[in-house]
Amino acid sequence: MVSINSLEMSSSGFDKNGIDKSGIHWLQYASFVVTALAIYFGWAFLNDTNFHHFVVKIFKFWNCNGYNPLSYCLMRLKVDFYP
């Protein structure tokens, strides 16, 4: 049986400055993950047509600037060609 005291979340492996035992700051780990995701999504955007089409639809929806009604933005999301 596991006691509740052994499941404390306070022991993270980082000291008060955010550095672990091997001398790496926690933000370096976060930047590595962000870089890896950027490389993967960049590759997928350029090489996968379905993902490219999905991203273009998202950008078309985000491009609605507030002057247009929401129905216009949703209509642009449903259109299947690139303006």
C-alpha atoms as a PDB file:
ATOM      1  CA  MET A   1       0.000   0.000   0.000  1.00  0.00           C
ATOM      2  CA  VAL A   2       1.305   3.439  -0.972  1.00  0.00           C
ATOM      3  CA  SER A   3       1.128   6.080   1.688  1.00  0.00           C
ATOM      4  CA  ILE A   4      -0.045   9.581   0.849  1.00  0.00           C
ATOM      5  CA  ASN A   5       3.204  11.096   2.131  1.00  0.00           C
ATOM      6  CA  SER A   6       5.241   9.383  -0.593  1.00  0.00           C
ATOM      7  CA  LEU A   7       3.154  11.038  -3.335  1.00  0.00           C
ATOM      8  CA  GLU A   8       4.047  14.635  -2.507  1.00  0.00           C
ATOM      9  CA  MET A   9       4.446  16.947  -5.475  1.00  0.00           C
ATOM     10  CA  SER A  10       7.050  19.163  -3.813  1.00  0.00           C
ATOM     11  CA  SER A  11      10.078  17.130  -4.902  1.00  0.00           C
ATOM     12  CA  SER A  12      10.666  18.181  -8.508  1.00  0.00           C
ATOM     13  CA  GLY A  13      14.403  17.659  -8.948  1.00  0.00           C
ATOM     14  CA  PHE A  14      15.023  21.383  -9.512  1.00  0.00           C
ATOM     15  CA  ASP A  15      16.649  23.698  -7.012  1.00  0.00           C
ATOM     16  CA  LYS A  16      15.388  27.177  -6.079  1.00  0.00           C
ATOM     17  CA  ASN A  17      17.001  28.653  -9.223  1.00  0.00           C
ATOM     18  CA  GLY A  18      15.288  26.151 -11.537  1.00  0.00           C
ATOM     19  CA  ILE A  19      18.380  24.049 -12.255  1.00  0.00           C
ATOM     20  CA  ASP A  20      18.375  20.259 -12.030  1.00  0.00           C
ATOM     21  CA  LYS A  21      21.222  17.929 -10.984  1.00  0.00           C
ATOM     22  CA  SER A  22      22.838  17.911 -14.444  1.00  0.00           C
ATOM     23  CA  GLY A  23      22.959  21.731 -14.565  1.00  0.00           C
ATOM     24  CA  ILE A  24      20.125  22.311 -17.048  1.00  0.00           C
ATOM     25  CA  HIS A  25      17.539  25.002 -16.392  1.00  0.00           C
ATOM     26  CA  TRP A  26      13.869  24.033 -16.708  1.00  0.00           C
ATOM     27  CA  LEU A  27      13.375  26.641 -19.431  1.00  0.00           C
ATOM     28  CA  GLN A  28      15.945  24.826 -21.590  1.00  0.00           C
ATOM     29  CA  TYR A  29      13.743  21.733 -21.463  1.00  0.00           C
ATOM     30  CA  ALA A  30      10.721  23.829 -22.426  1.00  0.00           C
ATOM     31  CA  SER A  31      12.570  25.454 -25.341  1.00  0.00           C
ATOM     32  CA  PHE A  32      13.667  22.025 -26.581  1.00  0.00           C
ATOM     33  CA  VAL A  33      10.038  20.845 -26.634  1.00  0.00           C
ATOM     34  CA  VAL A  34       8.849  24.011 -28.404  1.00  0.00           C
ATOM     35  CA  THR A  35      11.622  23.675 -31.005  1.00  0.00           C
ATOM     36  CA  ALA A  36      10.801  20.014 -31.623  1.00  0.00           C
ATOM     37  CA  LEU A  37       7.103  20.825 -32.068  1.00  0.00           C
ATOM     38  CA  ALA A  38       7.918  23.721 -34.426  1.00  0.00           C
ATOM     39  CA  ILE A  39      10.077  21.454 -36.584  1.00  0.00           C
ATOM     40  CA  TYR A  40       7.416  18.749 -36.677  1.00  0.00           C
ATOM     41  CA  PHE A  41       4.522  21.099 -37.452  1.00  0.00           C
ATOM     42  CA  GLY A  42       6.622  22.947 -40.040  1.00  0.00           C
ATOM     43  CA  TRP A  43       7.371  19.653 -41.769  1.00  0.00           C
ATOM     44  CA  ALA A  44       3.718  18.602 -41.596  1.00  0.00           C
ATOM     45  CA  PHE A  45       2.555  21.970 -42.974  1.00  0.00           C
ATOM     46  CA  LEU A  46       4.864  21.724 -45.967  1.00  0.00           C
ATOM     47  CA  ASN A  47       4.561  17.999 -46.734  1.00  0.00           C
ATOM     48  CA  ASP A  48       1.065  16.892 -45.725  1.00  0.00           C
ATOM     49  CA  THR A  49      -1.728  18.400 -47.832  1.00  0.00           C
ATOM     50  CA  ASN A  50      -4.471  17.570 -45.323  1.00  0.00           C
ATOM     51  CA  PHE A  51      -2.605  19.272 -42.477  1.00  0.00           C
ATOM     52  CA  HIS A  52      -1.801  22.222 -44.736  1.00  0.00           C
ATOM     53  CA  HIS A  53      -5.468  22.586 -45.643  1.00  0.00           C
ATOM     54  CA  PHE A  54      -6.444  22.359 -41.948  1.00  0.00           C
ATOM     55  CA  VAL A  55      -3.971  25.082 -40.952  1.00  0.00           C
ATOM     56  CA  VAL A  56      -5.076  27.378 -43.770  1.00  0.00           C
ATOM     57  CA  LYS A  57      -8.689  27.009 -42.627  1.00  0.00           C
ATOM     58  CA  ILE A  58      -7.694  27.921 -39.064  1.00  0.00           C
ATOM     59  CA  PHE A  59      -5.774  30.986 -40.284  1.00  0.00           C
ATOM     60  CA  LYS A  60      -8.735  32.053 -42.425  1.00  0.00           C
ATOM     61  CA  PHE A  61     -10.978  31.872 -39.355  1.00  0.00           C
ATOM     62  CA  TRP A  62      -8.472  33.770 -37.187  1.00  0.00           C
ATOM     63  CA  ASN A  63      -8.233  36.424 -39.891  1.00  0.00           C
ATOM     64  CA  CYS A  64     -11.752  37.625 -39.077  1.00  0.00           C
ATOM     65  CA  ASN A  65     -11.044  40.969 -37.482  1.00  0.00           C
ATOM     66  CA  GLY A  66     -14.223  41.721 -35.537  1.00  0.00           C
ATOM     67  CA  TYR A  67     -15.762  43.975 -38.165  1.00  0.00           C
ATOM     68  CA  ASN A  68     -17.361  40.950 -39.798  1.00  0.00           C
ATOM     69  CA  PRO A  69     -20.167  39.008 -38.094  1.00  0.00           C
ATOM     70  CA  LEU A  70     -19.456  35.534 -36.785  1.00  0.00           C
ATOM     71  CA  SER A  71     -21.662  34.025 -39.510  1.00  0.00           C
ATOM     72  CA  TYR A  72     -19.300  35.461 -42.147  1.00  0.00           C
ATOM     73  CA  CYS A  73     -16.284  33.951 -40.385  1.00  0.00           C
ATOM     74  CA  LEU A  74     -17.985  30.562 -40.168  1.00  0.00           C
ATOM     75  CA  MET A  75     -18.917  30.785 -43.849  1.00  0.00           C
ATOM     76  CA  ARG A  76     -15.272  31.421 -44.739  1.00  0.00           C
ATOM     77  CA  LEU A  77     -14.310  28.401 -42.646  1.00  0.00           C
ATOM     78  CA  LYS A  78     -16.615  26.171 -44.709  1.00  0.00           C
ATOM     79  CA  VAL A  79     -15.349  27.396 -48.102  1.00  0.00           C
ATOM     80  CA  ASP A  80     -13.086  24.821 -49.692  1.00  0.00           C
ATOM     81  CA  PHE A  81     -10.739  26.994 -51.748  1.00  0.00           C
ATOM     82  CA  TYR A  82      -7.831  29.264 -50.916  1.00  0.00           C
ATOM     83  CA  PRO A  83      -8.609  32.971 -51.457  1.00  0.00           C
END
